[in-house]
Amino acid sequence: MIASLALAAAVVATPVPAKTASDMLVPASQPREAVALLNCLVKSDGRLTACTVQDETPSELGVGQAALSMASQFQVDLLGPDGKSRAGSYIQVPVRIRIR
């Protein structure tokens, strides 16, 4: 019994090495790119507001939330491809995040 207690204490006291940068790399089985699709309102200065996540792939990485946190820094051309002003309208904004 004393030997088993000593062995248990040795297991508990064994330090766990700190993770290195190479330990934190994304495994090859995980996707190398994550994509979120935001739906945002274009303000009169071209900045985006009232964004919501329409889709994100893969969903378990939280790329939608990451894209939302960056959206307030985005600015778009006020004139759309049709030549009309986008101010006051909603647009879809794809956000791709590369994973290394």
Protein backbone atom coordinates (compact mmCIF):
# COMPACT_ATOMS: atom_id res chain seq x y z
CA MET A 1 0.00 0.00 0.00
CA ILE A 2 2.85 2.42 0.80
CA ALA A 3 4.42 1.66 -2.60
CA SER A 4 1.14 2.48 -4.39
CA LEU A 5 0.85 5.79 -2.54
CA ALA A 6 4.43 6.70 -3.45
CA LEU A 7 3.73 5.84 -7.09
CA ALA A 8 0.55 7.94 -7.08
CA ALA A 9 2.45 10.88 -5.57
CA ALA A 10 5.15 10.55 -8.23
CA VAL A 11 2.55 10.65 -11.00
CA VAL A 12 0.86 13.75 -9.55
CA ALA A 13 4.19 15.54 -9.00
CA THR A 14 5.41 15.02 -12.56
CA PRO A 15 5.55 18.44 -14.23
CA VAL A 16 3.76 18.90 -17.54
CA PRO A 17 5.98 20.57 -20.13
CA ALA A 18 4.74 23.89 -21.49
CA LYS A 19 3.34 23.84 -25.00
CA THR A 20 5.66 25.07 -27.68
CA ALA A 21 4.64 26.91 -30.84
CA SER A 22 4.95 23.71 -32.85
CA ASP A 23 2.54 21.96 -30.44
CA MET A 24 -0.08 24.62 -31.20
CA LEU A 25 0.03 24.27 -34.99
CA VAL A 26 -3.21 23.26 -36.68
CA PRO A 27 -3.18 19.53 -37.44
CA ALA A 28 -3.17 18.62 -41.11
CA SER A 29 -6.64 17.11 -40.72
CA GLN A 30 -8.15 20.52 -39.92
CA PRO A 31 -9.18 22.99 -42.64
CA ARG A 32 -6.58 25.49 -43.82
CA GLU A 33 -9.13 28.21 -44.48
CA ALA A 34 -12.22 29.29 -42.60
CA VAL A 35 -14.96 31.37 -44.20
CA ALA A 36 -17.72 33.50 -42.72
CA LEU A 37 -20.47 35.24 -44.63
CA LEU A 38 -21.71 38.44 -42.98
CA ASN A 39 -24.82 40.44 -43.80
CA CYS A 40 -24.12 44.11 -43.03
CA LEU A 41 -25.79 47.50 -43.37
CA VAL A 42 -23.74 50.07 -45.30
CA LYS A 43 -23.57 53.47 -43.61
CA SER A 44 -23.39 56.75 -45.56
CA ASP A 45 -19.58 56.84 -45.14
CA GLY A 46 -19.13 53.29 -46.49
CA ARG A 47 -18.51 51.71 -43.12
CA LEU A 48 -20.44 48.61 -42.07
CA THR A 49 -22.82 48.27 -39.14
CA ALA A 50 -25.54 45.92 -37.86
CA CYS A 51 -23.67 42.86 -39.12
CA THR A 52 -24.92 39.33 -38.54
CA VAL A 53 -23.35 35.99 -39.39
CA GLN A 54 -25.22 34.29 -42.23
CA ASP A 55 -22.90 31.30 -42.54
CA GLU A 56 -19.53 30.05 -41.31
CA THR A 57 -17.44 27.07 -42.30
CA PRO A 58 -16.26 25.24 -40.30
CA SER A 59 -18.65 26.29 -37.58
CA GLU A 60 -16.62 24.99 -34.64
CA LEU A 61 -13.70 27.42 -35.12
CA GLY A 62 -15.65 30.59 -34.27
CA VAL A 63 -14.74 32.35 -37.51
CA GLY A 64 -18.15 34.05 -37.58
CA GLN A 65 -17.51 35.77 -34.26
CA ALA A 66 -13.99 36.72 -35.39
CA ALA A 67 -15.39 38.24 -38.60
CA LEU A 68 -18.00 40.19 -36.61
CA SER A 69 -15.31 41.66 -34.38
CA MET A 70 -13.44 42.93 -37.46
CA ALA A 71 -16.46 44.22 -39.41
CA SER A 72 -16.51 47.68 -37.83
CA GLN A 73 -13.11 48.29 -39.46
CA PHE A 74 -14.31 47.40 -42.96
CA GLN A 75 -15.24 50.05 -45.50
CA VAL A 76 -16.79 49.49 -48.92
CA ASP A 77 -17.23 51.59 -52.03
CA LEU A 78 -20.51 53.43 -51.82
CA LEU A 79 -21.27 52.77 -55.47
CA GLY A 80 -22.22 49.20 -56.21
CA PRO A 81 -21.48 47.38 -59.48
CA ASP A 82 -24.76 48.74 -60.86
CA GLY A 83 -23.65 52.35 -60.19
CA LYS A 84 -26.23 52.89 -57.45
CA SER A 85 -25.41 53.94 -53.91
CA ARG A 86 -25.17 51.15 -51.37
CA ALA A 87 -25.72 53.49 -48.41
CA GLY A 88 -28.65 52.28 -46.33
CA SER A 89 -28.74 48.85 -47.91
CA TYR A 90 -27.57 45.45 -46.71
CA ILE A 91 -24.75 43.64 -48.45
CA GLN A 92 -23.16 40.23 -48.02
CA VAL A 93 -19.50 40.30 -47.04
CA PRO A 94 -17.41 37.12 -47.30
CA VAL A 95 -14.51 36.95 -44.84
CA ARG A 96 -11.80 34.36 -45.39
CA ILE A 97 -9.34 33.59 -42.62
CA ARG A 98 -6.26 31.58 -43.53
CA ILE A 99 -5.12 29.11 -40.88
CA ARG A 100 -1.43 28.32 -40.68
